[in-house]
């Protein structure tokens, strides 16, 4: 998923959550929005920025493989420390 589209989805999830009721990403977006609200309540600033591709950088393949492994797991990751 392109980062610009992901930022748009997050903005919609915050501002117009009803528009995303059929999104296959709804659970993930709800989790992201909850984390953003928790950070905001603590006064912690959050910026969503686009990063350049890391193709060809040392460790990239290992990071991609790790992300793919986590993405295919059935259980929910504990993100409580991120809030």
Protein backbone atom coordinates (compact mmCIF):
# COMPACT_ATOMS: atom_id res chain seq x y z
CA UNK A 1 0.00 0.00 0.00
CA UNK A 2 1.40 3.40 -0.92
CA UNK A 3 2.18 5.70 1.98
CA UNK A 4 0.11 8.55 0.54
CA UNK A 5 -2.96 6.28 0.37
CA UNK A 6 -2.29 5.04 3.90
CA UNK A 7 -2.17 8.62 5.20
CA UNK A 8 -5.48 9.30 3.44
CA UNK A 9 -7.06 6.22 5.05
CA UNK A 10 -5.86 7.26 8.51
CA UNK A 11 -7.26 10.78 8.02
CA UNK A 12 -10.58 9.32 6.92
CA UNK A 13 -10.61 6.94 9.88
CA UNK A 14 -10.20 9.91 12.21
CA UNK A 15 -12.50 12.40 10.48
CA UNK A 16 -15.06 10.20 8.73
CA UNK A 17 -14.94 6.71 10.29
CA UNK A 18 -18.33 5.71 8.88
CA UNK A 19 -16.96 5.96 5.34
CA UNK A 20 -14.58 3.08 6.09
CA UNK A 21 -17.07 0.65 7.61
CA UNK A 22 -16.48 -1.85 4.78
CA UNK A 23 -12.71 -1.38 4.52
CA UNK A 24 -10.67 -4.56 4.80
CA UNK A 25 -8.22 -2.45 6.82
CA UNK A 26 -10.83 -1.31 9.36
CA UNK A 27 -9.40 -3.20 12.36
CA UNK A 28 -5.91 -1.87 11.68
CA UNK A 29 -7.18 1.67 11.14
CA UNK A 30 -9.19 1.53 14.38
CA UNK A 31 -6.04 0.47 16.24
CA UNK A 32 -3.96 3.23 14.67
CA UNK A 33 -6.60 5.86 15.48
CA UNK A 34 -6.81 4.64 19.09
CA UNK A 35 -3.02 4.92 19.43
CA UNK A 36 -3.03 8.41 17.90
CA UNK A 37 -5.79 9.54 20.27
CA UNK A 38 -3.89 8.12 23.26
CA UNK A 39 -0.72 9.94 22.21
CA UNK A 40 -2.68 13.16 21.71
CA UNK A 41 -4.26 12.84 25.16
CA UNK A 42 -0.76 12.60 26.66
CA UNK A 43 0.40 15.63 24.69
CA UNK A 44 2.75 13.54 22.55
CA UNK A 45 3.02 14.93 19.03
CA UNK A 46 2.79 12.49 16.14
CA UNK A 47 3.79 13.12 12.55
CA UNK A 48 3.04 10.81 9.64
CA UNK A 49 5.70 11.28 7.02
CA UNK A 50 6.57 9.61 3.77
CA UNK A 51 9.93 7.89 3.73
CA UNK A 52 11.94 7.11 0.67
CA UNK A 53 12.23 3.53 -0.48
CA UNK A 54 14.83 1.53 1.34
CA UNK A 55 15.49 -0.84 -1.55
CA UNK A 56 19.12 -1.76 -1.70
CA UNK A 57 19.86 -0.77 1.90
CA UNK A 58 21.62 -3.25 4.17
CA UNK A 59 19.11 -5.26 6.21
CA UNK A 60 16.15 -4.35 4.01
CA UNK A 61 15.36 -7.91 2.93
CA UNK A 62 15.46 -9.13 6.53
CA UNK A 63 13.14 -6.31 7.62
CA UNK A 64 10.73 -7.05 4.77
CA UNK A 65 10.73 -10.76 5.61
CA UNK A 66 10.08 -9.99 9.28
CA UNK A 67 7.23 -7.64 8.43
CA UNK A 68 5.70 -10.21 6.10
CA UNK A 69 5.93 -12.89 8.80
CA UNK A 70 4.16 -10.67 11.32
CA UNK A 71 1.53 -9.64 8.79
CA UNK A 72 0.55 -13.24 8.15
CA UNK A 73 0.17 -14.19 11.82
CA UNK A 74 -3.34 -14.73 13.15
CA UNK A 75 -2.76 -13.27 16.60
CA UNK A 76 -2.87 -9.56 17.38
CA UNK A 77 0.42 -7.81 18.12
CA UNK A 78 0.78 -6.05 21.46
CA UNK A 79 1.10 -2.37 20.64
CA UNK A 80 0.27 -1.07 24.11
CA UNK A 81 3.80 0.26 24.58
CA UNK A 82 3.40 2.49 21.51
CA UNK A 83 0.55 4.52 22.96
